[in-house]
């Protein structure tokens, strides 16, 4: 057999549960358990990968992955992969779980959702949806270099949506909170207040107008600025996309790509939804400064991309025991020193965009388009009319250089990120930021 230079295995065992109430009726209680392993082997430039469901015979799995890697190397030889060294770091602290979700019976969980739903079912609300999810996971890693590591995580969260209607005009409000925590998430957050907020948003948007589109000064709230950070900046900083020539940041390390006010960080050590103590290659996690004072400081790396770029690994992730790829964790624009009121006064006339309803980004071309939940027109430095059906679009590098002020009110928002057919928990965030000019879509 051709020489196998490296192999590793991720063994995952866990269980999850989701409860969904639709208009007060119990729609779903789904409970899932999983157990298995993903095993990789490297032969020169070819990776062999195999997954095993259920009980794992690592010896057999490693043999299968090795045979596949050798076969691929013989049929389509590639340039030899040089893996970056594992940096010498200590594995950081684990989050403390106060209330194990296992200790709360399903009836009590359903009853809590029913209570939350009552607060969302305000006058004028036509439909509601409340959901809760929990996941308990044990991850074990080993490789041919003698590394063996293990950790346990508990994640939980809830989401509330409300829809208001006026004839054929339907508007929605949604609030969600997820974290690396146990059932105490309902103590950390106020689900009843969030339910009321979702209902109020839906009702208020019924009377809102759609603004005239065009290029104008913009303030982004922390949620939308965080989505911009994740989608437009974070993905473009993933070194596997850079290697594939699918990133607008190719060749820009050490160069000024943003306003000097901007520092962007990815930090898996934070006890937030995207936390991990070591990545899918067994590399202990550490904060990575992607952009420092406007200068592109680093990409995010797997061991393979670290070897190609002479970078530092620690950003390889996988959904369960799928094939690891370079991924974000907790990604945010670091806080600045501006107050929100200063931004309003500085902009004078423009628009304030709040929240995110999704969007799209092309990392290779460096263009994006995001839909805001809502917005407010700014006139003479004052917040005025509520607007809806509004979007933000532009070129990533252009917007990064148009950022004029960065707030001191950094906030993080949890969610899920999709890449390579896999979904992993992440957090993104930012303070308020003001942009001197951006393209806003409307009527």
Protein backbone atom coordinates (compact mmCIF):
# COMPACT_ATOMS: atom_id res chain seq x y z
CA UNK A 1 0.00 0.00 0.00
CA UNK A 2 1.12 3.58 -0.69
CA UNK A 3 2.54 5.36 2.34
CA UNK A 4 -0.13 6.88 4.62
CA UNK A 5 1.39 9.92 6.29
CA UNK A 6 -1.45 10.77 8.67
CA UNK A 7 -4.88 9.65 9.94
CA UNK A 8 -7.39 10.90 12.50
CA UNK A 9 -10.82 10.01 13.86
CA UNK A 10 -13.69 11.99 15.37
CA UNK A 11 -16.08 9.87 17.43
CA UNK A 12 -19.38 11.54 18.26
CA UNK A 13 -22.12 10.41 20.60
CA UNK A 14 -25.11 12.53 21.45
CA UNK A 15 -28.79 13.17 21.65
CA UNK A 16 -31.04 16.06 20.73
CA UNK A 17 -34.64 17.13 21.13
CA UNK A 18 -36.87 19.70 19.44
CA UNK A 19 -40.33 20.82 20.57
CA UNK A 20 -42.51 23.00 18.31
CA UNK A 21 -45.81 24.68 19.17
CA UNK A 22 -47.74 26.03 16.18
CA UNK A 23 -50.59 28.37 17.10
CA UNK A 24 -50.63 26.86 20.56
CA UNK A 25 -50.91 23.30 19.29
CA UNK A 26 -48.15 20.79 19.88
CA UNK A 27 -46.82 20.13 16.39
CA UNK A 28 -43.55 18.30 17.07
CA UNK A 29 -41.63 16.51 19.77
CA UNK A 30 -38.67 14.95 18.03
CA UNK A 31 -35.95 13.08 19.91
CA UNK A 32 -32.83 11.85 18.16
CA UNK A 33 -29.71 10.02 19.25
CA UNK A 34 -26.58 9.47 17.23
CA UNK A 35 -23.34 7.57 17.57
CA UNK A 36 -20.56 7.07 15.07
CA UNK A 37 -17.22 8.23 13.75
CA UNK A 38 -15.64 10.06 10.86
CA UNK A 39 -12.17 8.83 9.92
CA UNK A 40 -9.66 10.45 7.55
CA UNK A 41 -6.36 9.25 6.11
CA UNK A 42 -3.87 11.23 4.02
CA UNK A 43 -1.73 9.75 1.23
CA UNK A 44 0.47 12.43 -0.34
CA UNK A 45 -2.19 14.85 -1.70
CA UNK A 46 -5.26 12.64 -1.34
CA UNK A 47 -7.63 12.38 1.60
CA UNK A 48 -9.58 9.19 2.15
CA UNK A 49 -12.66 9.58 4.35
CA UNK A 50 -15.10 7.07 5.76
CA UNK A 51 -17.94 7.37 8.25
CA UNK A 52 -19.28 4.67 10.53
CA UNK A 53 -22.70 4.72 12.21
CA UNK A 54 -23.13 3.02 15.57
CA UNK A 55 -20.35 1.17 17.35
CA UNK A 56 -16.94 2.01 15.93
CA UNK A 57 -14.07 -0.33 15.14
CA UNK A 58 -11.37 2.30 14.69
CA UNK A 59 -8.85 -0.16 13.31
CA UNK A 60 -11.20 -1.22 10.51
CA UNK A 61 -12.22 2.40 9.83
CA UNK A 62 -8.63 3.60 9.62
CA UNK A 63 -7.85 0.72 7.25
CA UNK A 64 -10.78 1.64 4.98
CA UNK A 65 -9.89 5.34 4.91
CA UNK A 66 -6.25 4.48 4.22
CA UNK A 67 -7.14 2.19 1.32
CA UNK A 68 -9.34 4.90 -0.16
CA UNK A 69 -6.61 7.56 0.18
CA UNK A 70 -4.01 5.29 -1.44
CA UNK A 71 -6.38 4.39 -4.28
CA UNK A 72 -7.17 8.04 -4.98
CA UNK A 73 -3.47 8.89 -4.92
CA UNK A 74 -2.74 6.19 -7.50
CA UNK A 75 -5.58 7.17 -9.83
CA UNK A 76 -5.32 10.97 -9.60
CA UNK A 77 -2.05 11.98 -7.91
CA UNK A 78 -1.98 15.45 -6.38
CA UNK A 79 0.77 17.63 -4.99
CA UNK A 80 1.78 16.40 -1.53
CA UNK A 81 -0.07 18.01 1.37
CA UNK A 82 2.14 19.34 4.17
CA UNK A 83 0.12 19.62 7.38
CA UNK A 84 0.81 22.57 9.61
CA UNK A 85 2.13 21.72 13.07
CA UNK A 86 -0.31 21.65 15.97
CA UNK A 87 0.40 24.82 17.98
CA UNK A 88 1.38 24.24 21.60
CA UNK A 89 -1.63 25.57 23.48
CA UNK A 90 -3.52 24.61 26.58
CA UNK A 91 -7.14 23.55 26.15
CA UNK A 92 -9.28 26.33 27.63
CA UNK A 93 -11.98 26.19 30.27
CA UNK A 94 -15.31 24.47 29.68
CA UNK A 95 -18.65 26.26 30.13
CA UNK A 96 -20.47 25.36 33.34
CA UNK A 97 -23.98 23.98 32.93
CA UNK A 98 -26.35 24.93 35.77
CA UNK A 99 -29.50 23.01 34.79
CA UNK A 100 -29.17 19.79 32.83
CA UNK A 101 -32.06 19.63 30.31
CA UNK A 102 -32.37 15.92 31.18
CA UNK A 103 -33.56 16.96 34.64
CA UNK A 104 -36.62 18.76 33.24
CA UNK A 105 -39.45 16.55 32.05
CA UNK A 106 -41.01 17.03 28.63
CA UNK A 107 -44.40 18.08 30.04
CA UNK A 108 -42.77 21.02 31.86
CA UNK A 109 -40.91 22.05 28.70
CA UNK A 110 -44.13 22.01 26.67
CA UNK A 111 -45.98 23.95 29.37
CA UNK A 112 -43.28 26.66 29.38
CA UNK A 113 -43.61 27.04 25.60
CA UNK A 114 -47.39 27.37 26.01
CA UNK A 115 -46.85 30.20 28.51
CA UNK A 116 -44.40 31.94 26.17
CA UNK A 117 -46.84 31.61 23.28
CA UNK A 118 -49.54 33.45 25.24
CA UNK A 119 -47.34 36.57 25.29
CA UNK A 120 -46.82 36.39 21.53
CA UNK A 121 -50.55 35.91 20.86
CA UNK A 122 -51.35 39.59 21.29
CA UNK A 123 -54.35 41.35 19.78
CA UNK A 124 -53.90 41.57 16.01
CA UNK A 125 -51.61 38.54 15.80
CA UNK A 126 -52.92 35.91 13.37
CA UNK A 127 -50.44 33.10 13.99
CA UNK A 128 -47.59 32.15 16.32
CA UNK A 129 -44.83 29.58 16.45
CA UNK A 130 -42.63 28.77 19.44
CA UNK A 131 -39.82 26.21 19.45
CA UNK A 132 -37.22 24.84 21.85
CA UNK A 133 -34.16 22.75 21.09
CA UNK A 134 -31.43 21.04 23.10
CA UNK A 135 -28.40 18.96 22.16
CA UNK A 136 -25.99 17.03 24.40
CA UNK A 137 -22.80 15.87 22.67
CA UNK A 138 -19.63 13.96 23.53
CA UNK A 139 -16.73 14.39 21.11
CA UNK A 140 -13.63 12.19 21.14
CA UNK A 141 -10.60 12.78 18.90
CA UNK A 142 -7.51 10.72 18.16
CA UNK A 143 -4.83 10.77 15.45
CA UNK A 144 -1.70 9.01 14.25
CA UNK A 145 0.48 11.57 16.04
CA UNK A 146 -0.67 10.25 19.41
CA UNK A 147 -3.13 13.01 20.30
CA UNK A 148 -6.26 12.00 22.20
CA UNK A 149 -8.84 14.48 23.46
CA UNK A 150 -12.47 14.47 24.64
CA UNK A 151 -15.11 17.01 25.64
CA UNK A 152 -18.84 17.28 26.39
CA UNK A 153 -21.16 20.12 25.42
CA UNK A 154 -24.76 21.08 26.12
CA UNK A 155 -26.50 23.56 23.82
CA UNK A 156 -30.03 24.88 24.10
CA UNK A 157 -32.19 27.60 22.67
CA UNK A 158 -35.63 28.84 21.73
CA UNK A 159 -37.29 30.86 18.98
CA UNK A 160 -40.56 32.80 18.85
CA UNK A 161 -42.32 34.12 15.75
CA UNK A 162 -45.55 36.06 15.37
CA UNK A 163 -47.43 37.04 12.21
CA UNK A 164 -49.81 40.00 11.98
CA UNK A 165 -52.17 40.56 9.07
CA UNK A 166 -54.21 43.40 7.60
CA UNK A 167 -56.08 42.09 4.58
CA UNK A 168 -53.44 40.67 2.24
CA UNK A 169 -50.64 42.46 4.12
CA UNK A 170 -48.79 39.94 6.31
CA UNK A 171 -45.84 40.93 8.50
CA UNK A 172 -43.71 38.83 10.84
CA UNK A 173 -41.66 39.39 13.97
CA UNK A 174 -39.14 36.89 15.26
CA UNK A 175 -36.84 36.62 18.28
CA UNK A 176 -34.48 33.78 19.16
CA UNK A 177 -31.80 32.98 21.70
CA UNK A 178 -29.34 30.07 21.62
CA UNK A 179 -26.27 29.40 23.73
CA UNK A 180 -23.85 26.81 25.00
CA UNK A 181 -25.82 26.34 28.20
CA UNK A 182 -28.43 24.18 29.83
CA UNK A 183 -32.06 24.87 30.64
CA UNK A 184 -30.93 27.96 32.53
CA UNK A 185 -31.15 29.82 29.20
CA UNK A 186 -34.71 30.66 30.29
CA UNK A 187 -33.24 32.36 33.37
CA UNK A 188 -30.56 34.23 31.42
CA UNK A 189 -33.09 35.50 28.88
CA UNK A 190 -36.64 36.78 29.31
CA UNK A 191 -38.70 34.68 26.86
CA UNK A 192 -41.96 36.46 27.75
CA UNK A 193 -40.53 39.88 26.92
CA UNK A 194 -39.03 38.52 23.70
CA UNK A 195 -42.43 37.06 22.74
CA UNK A 196 -44.03 40.47 23.26
CA UNK A 197 -41.29 42.07 21.14
CA UNK A 198 -41.91 39.62 18.29
CA UNK A 199 -45.63 40.47 18.35
CA UNK A 200 -45.00 44.22 18.52
CA UNK A 201 -42.59 44.07 15.57
CA UNK A 202 -45.12 42.21 13.43
CA UNK A 203 -47.94 44.62 14.25
CA UNK A 204 -45.89 47.79 13.81
CA UNK A 205 -44.64 46.68 10.37
CA UNK A 206 -48.22 46.56 9.03
CA UNK A 207 -48.32 50.35 8.88
CA UNK A 208 -44.69 50.83 7.84
CA UNK A 209 -43.82 52.06 4.36
CA UNK A 210 -41.19 50.81 1.93
CA UNK A 211 -38.47 53.46 1.49
CA UNK A 212 -37.17 54.72 -1.81
CA UNK A 213 -33.98 52.83 -2.71
CA UNK A 214 -30.63 54.43 -3.45
CA UNK A 215 -27.18 55.22 -2.07
CA UNK A 216 -27.28 56.94 1.31
CA UNK A 217 -25.64 57.01 4.75
CA UNK A 218 -26.54 53.98 6.88
CA UNK A 219 -26.37 52.87 10.51
CA UNK A 220 -26.44 49.11 11.10
CA UNK A 221 -27.63 47.69 14.41
CA UNK A 222 -25.42 45.02 16.09
CA UNK A 223 -27.44 42.12 14.66
CA UNK A 224 -27.26 43.19 11.00
CA UNK A 225 -23.66 44.37 11.37
CA UNK A 226 -22.86 40.95 12.86
CA UNK A 227 -24.47 39.16 9.91
CA UNK A 228 -22.40 41.32 7.54
CA UNK A 229 -19.29 40.43 9.54
CA UNK A 230 -20.03 36.70 9.37
CA UNK A 231 -21.24 36.42 5.79
CA UNK A 232 -19.18 38.99 3.91
CA UNK A 233 -15.98 39.10 5.97
CA UNK A 234 -15.82 35.80 7.86
CA UNK A 235 -16.46 33.43 4.95
CA UNK A 236 -14.01 35.33 2.75
CA UNK A 237 -11.40 34.81 5.52
CA UNK A 238 -11.71 31.00 5.46
CA UNK A 239 -8.43 29.80 4.00
CA UNK A 240 -9.90 26.86 2.07
CA UNK A 241 -11.97 29.32 0.01
CA UNK A 242 -8.87 31.49 -0.44
CA UNK A 243 -6.92 28.44 -1.71
CA UNK A 244 -9.74 27.73 -4.17
CA UNK A 245 -9.47 31.30 -5.49
CA UNK A 246 -13.00 31.88 -4.22
CA UNK A 247 -12.31 34.81 -1.90
CA UNK A 248 -12.00 38.52 -2.52
CA UNK A 249 -9.30 38.50 0.20
CA UNK A 250 -6.84 36.40 -1.84
CA UNK A 251 -3.40 38.02 -1.79
CA UNK A 252 -4.41 40.74 0.66
CA UNK A 253 -2.67 39.57 3.87
CA UNK A 254 -0.91 42.51 5.49
CA UNK A 255 -2.80 45.03 3.38
CA UNK A 256 -5.28 47.72 4.42
CA UNK A 257 -8.72 46.38 3.40
CA UNK A 258 -10.99 48.28 5.80
CA UNK A 259 -11.38 51.49 7.74
CA UNK A 260 -8.71 51.77 10.49
CA UNK A 261 -11.65 51.69 12.95
CA UNK A 262 -12.33 48.03 12.11
CA UNK A 263 -10.97 45.02 14.01
CA UNK A 264 -12.62 41.65 13.30
CA UNK A 265 -12.09 38.65 15.59
CA UNK A 266 -13.03 34.97 15.49
CA UNK A 267 -12.85 33.46 18.98
CA UNK A 268 -13.94 29.85 19.67
CA UNK A 269 -12.76 30.13 23.30
CA UNK A 270 -15.69 32.43 24.17
CA UNK A 271 -18.44 30.57 26.03
CA UNK A 272 -20.92 31.39 23.27
CA UNK A 273 -22.90 29.22 20.84
CA UNK A 274 -19.90 28.71 18.51
CA UNK A 275 -17.59 27.54 21.33
CA UNK A 276 -15.25 24.55 21.07
CA UNK A 277 -12.23 23.67 23.28
CA UNK A 278 -10.42 22.01 20.36
CA UNK A 279 -11.32 21.77 16.70
CA UNK A 280 -12.12 18.75 14.50
CA UNK A 281 -8.39 18.16 14.03
CA UNK A 282 -7.67 18.13 17.77
CA UNK A 283 -6.10 21.61 17.73
CA UNK A 284 -6.78 23.58 20.95
CA UNK A 285 -8.85 26.67 20.15
CA UNK A 286 -7.56 30.23 20.27
CA UNK A 287 -8.69 33.70 19.29
CA UNK A 288 -7.78 34.77 15.74
CA UNK A 289 -7.61 38.45 14.81
CA UNK A 290 -8.73 38.47 11.18
CA UNK A 291 -8.60 42.24 10.62
CA UNK A 292 -6.60 44.50 12.92
CA UNK A 293 -7.10 48.27 12.63
CA UNK A 294 -8.26 47.81 9.04
CA UNK A 295 -5.35 45.55 7.99
CA UNK A 296 -5.98 41.91 6.98
CA UNK A 297 -4.05 40.11 9.70
CA UNK A 298 -4.89 36.42 9.26
CA UNK A 299 -7.06 33.83 7.58
CA UNK A 300 -8.78 31.01 9.47
CA UNK A 301 -7.01 27.69 8.98
CA UNK A 302 -7.19 23.93 9.01
CA UNK A 303 -3.89 22.07 9.31
CA UNK A 304 -3.83 21.66 5.54
CA UNK A 305 -4.35 25.35 4.76
CA UNK A 306 -1.98 26.32 7.58
CA UNK A 307 0.70 24.26 5.83
CA UNK A 308 -0.04 25.95 2.50
CA UNK A 309 -0.03 29.50 3.91
CA UNK A 310 2.43 29.04 6.80
CA UNK A 311 -0.49 29.98 9.04
CA UNK A 312 -1.77 28.68 12.38
CA UNK A 313 -4.50 26.03 12.51
CA UNK A 314 -7.45 25.68 14.88
CA UNK A 315 -10.50 26.54 12.75
CA UNK A 316 -11.49 23.13 11.37
CA UNK A 317 -15.07 22.08 12.19
CA UNK A 318 -17.58 19.42 11.20
CA UNK A 319 -21.26 18.74 11.71
CA UNK A 320 -21.25 15.59 13.79
CA UNK A 321 -18.68 13.25 12.19
CA UNK A 322 -18.72 14.66 8.65
CA UNK A 323 -15.52 15.65 6.81
CA UNK A 324 -13.96 18.68 8.58
CA UNK A 325 -13.75 22.01 6.74
CA UNK A 326 -12.55 25.49 7.72
CA UNK A 327 -15.33 27.23 9.68
CA UNK A 328 -16.04 30.24 11.85
CA UNK A 329 -16.99 30.06 15.54
CA UNK A 330 -17.80 33.33 17.37
CA UNK A 331 -17.05 36.12 14.87
CA UNK A 332 -17.47 39.82 15.57
CA UNK A 333 -16.37 43.39 14.97
CA UNK A 334 -14.61 44.56 18.12
CA UNK A 335 -16.08 47.52 19.97
CA UNK A 336 -15.07 51.09 19.18
CA UNK A 337 -15.65 54.32 21.11
CA UNK A 338 -18.62 56.00 19.41
CA UNK A 339 -22.04 56.52 20.99
CA UNK A 340 -25.19 55.79 18.98
CA UNK A 341 -26.30 59.41 19.40
CA UNK A 342 -23.03 60.60 17.85
CA UNK A 343 -23.70 58.44 14.79
CA UNK A 344 -27.18 59.92 14.35
CA UNK A 345 -25.85 63.45 14.65
CA UNK A 346 -23.00 62.73 12.23
CA UNK A 347 -25.20 61.09 9.57
CA UNK A 348 -27.96 63.73 9.75
CA UNK A 349 -30.01 62.20 6.90
CA UNK A 350 -29.96 58.48 6.14
CA UNK A 351 -31.41 55.19 7.33
CA UNK A 352 -31.07 52.96 10.41
CA UNK A 353 -31.32 49.25 9.56
CA UNK A 354 -32.24 46.69 12.23
CA UNK A 355 -31.99 42.90 12.33
CA UNK A 356 -31.58 40.33 9.57
CA UNK A 357 -34.00 38.28 7.48
CA UNK A 358 -31.28 36.48 5.54
CA UNK A 359 -29.49 37.29 2.33
CA UNK A 360 -26.71 36.11 0.08
CA UNK A 361 -23.00 36.65 -0.48
CA UNK A 362 -20.51 35.79 -3.20
CA UNK A 363 -17.12 35.51 -1.48
CA UNK A 364 -15.20 35.26 -4.76
CA UNK A 365 -16.63 38.43 -6.25
CA UNK A 366 -16.95 40.11 -2.87
CA UNK A 367 -20.58 41.17 -3.28
CA UNK A 368 -23.48 40.77 -0.86
CA UNK A 369 -27.16 41.52 -0.31
CA UNK A 370 -28.89 41.30 3.08
CA UNK A 371 -32.51 41.92 4.05
CA UNK A 372 -33.18 43.85 7.26
CA UNK A 373 -36.09 43.04 9.58
CA UNK A 374 -37.01 46.72 9.62
CA UNK A 375 -35.54 50.20 9.50
CA UNK A 376 -36.08 53.83 10.45
CA UNK A 377 -35.45 56.90 8.38
CA UNK A 378 -33.03 59.40 9.91
CA UNK A 379 -33.78 63.10 9.35
CA UNK A 380 -31.73 65.92 10.84
CA UNK A 381 -30.07 63.43 13.20
CA UNK A 382 -33.41 62.15 14.51
CA UNK A 383 -35.02 58.71 14.12
CA UNK A 384 -38.33 59.16 12.28
CA UNK A 385 -40.51 56.87 10.11
CA UNK A 386 -40.53 53.09 10.44
CA UNK A 387 -39.84 51.31 7.12
CA UNK A 388 -40.04 47.70 5.93
CA UNK A 389 -38.95 45.54 2.96
CA UNK A 390 -35.53 47.14 3.00
CA UNK A 391 -32.16 45.65 2.10
CA UNK A 392 -28.45 46.46 2.12
CA UNK A 393 -26.18 45.51 -0.76
CA UNK A 394 -22.73 46.32 -2.05
CA UNK A 395 -19.14 45.22 -2.40
CA UNK A 396 -17.52 43.91 0.77
CA UNK A 397 -14.25 45.82 0.48
CA UNK A 398 -16.03 49.05 -0.48
CA UNK A 399 -18.35 48.87 2.55
CA UNK A 400 -15.45 48.00 4.90
CA UNK A 401 -13.70 51.19 3.79
CA UNK A 402 -16.87 53.28 4.04
CA UNK A 403 -17.33 52.47 7.75
CA UNK A 404 -17.07 55.81 9.51
CA UNK A 405 -17.86 55.13 13.18
CA UNK A 406 -17.85 52.01 15.39
CA UNK A 407 -19.95 51.92 18.54
CA UNK A 408 -19.01 50.76 22.02
CA UNK A 409 -22.17 48.63 22.44
CA UNK A 410 -20.94 45.23 21.19
CA UNK A 411 -23.66 42.54 21.17
CA UNK A 412 -23.54 38.92 20.03
CA UNK A 413 -26.29 36.89 18.32
CA UNK A 414 -26.33 33.11 18.00
CA UNK A 415 -27.39 31.11 14.97
CA UNK A 416 -26.34 28.41 12.53
CA UNK A 417 -23.96 28.51 9.59
CA UNK A 418 -24.12 26.35 6.48
CA UNK A 419 -21.13 25.35 4.37
CA UNK A 420 -20.19 22.23 2.37
CA UNK A 421 -23.62 20.77 3.11
CA UNK A 422 -23.01 20.97 6.86
CA UNK A 423 -24.55 23.17 9.56
CA UNK A 424 -22.73 24.17 12.75
CA UNK A 425 -23.62 26.49 15.66
CA UNK A 426 -22.03 29.94 15.48
CA UNK A 427 -22.29 33.38 17.01
CA UNK A 428 -21.74 36.68 15.25
CA UNK A 429 -21.88 40.23 16.45
CA UNK A 430 -20.79 43.85 16.34
CA UNK A 431 -21.53 47.20 17.91
CA UNK A 432 -23.60 49.72 15.98
CA UNK A 433 -21.62 50.87 12.94
CA UNK A 434 -22.19 53.81 10.62
CA UNK A 435 -21.40 53.67 6.91
CA UNK A 436 -20.88 56.91 4.99
CA UNK A 437 -22.67 55.55 1.90
CA UNK A 438 -24.22 52.20 0.96
CA UNK A 439 -26.83 50.92 -1.47
CA UNK A 440 -30.19 50.47 0.21
CA UNK A 441 -32.95 48.63 -1.62
CA UNK A 442 -36.59 49.56 -1.30
CA UNK A 443 -39.37 50.65 -3.60
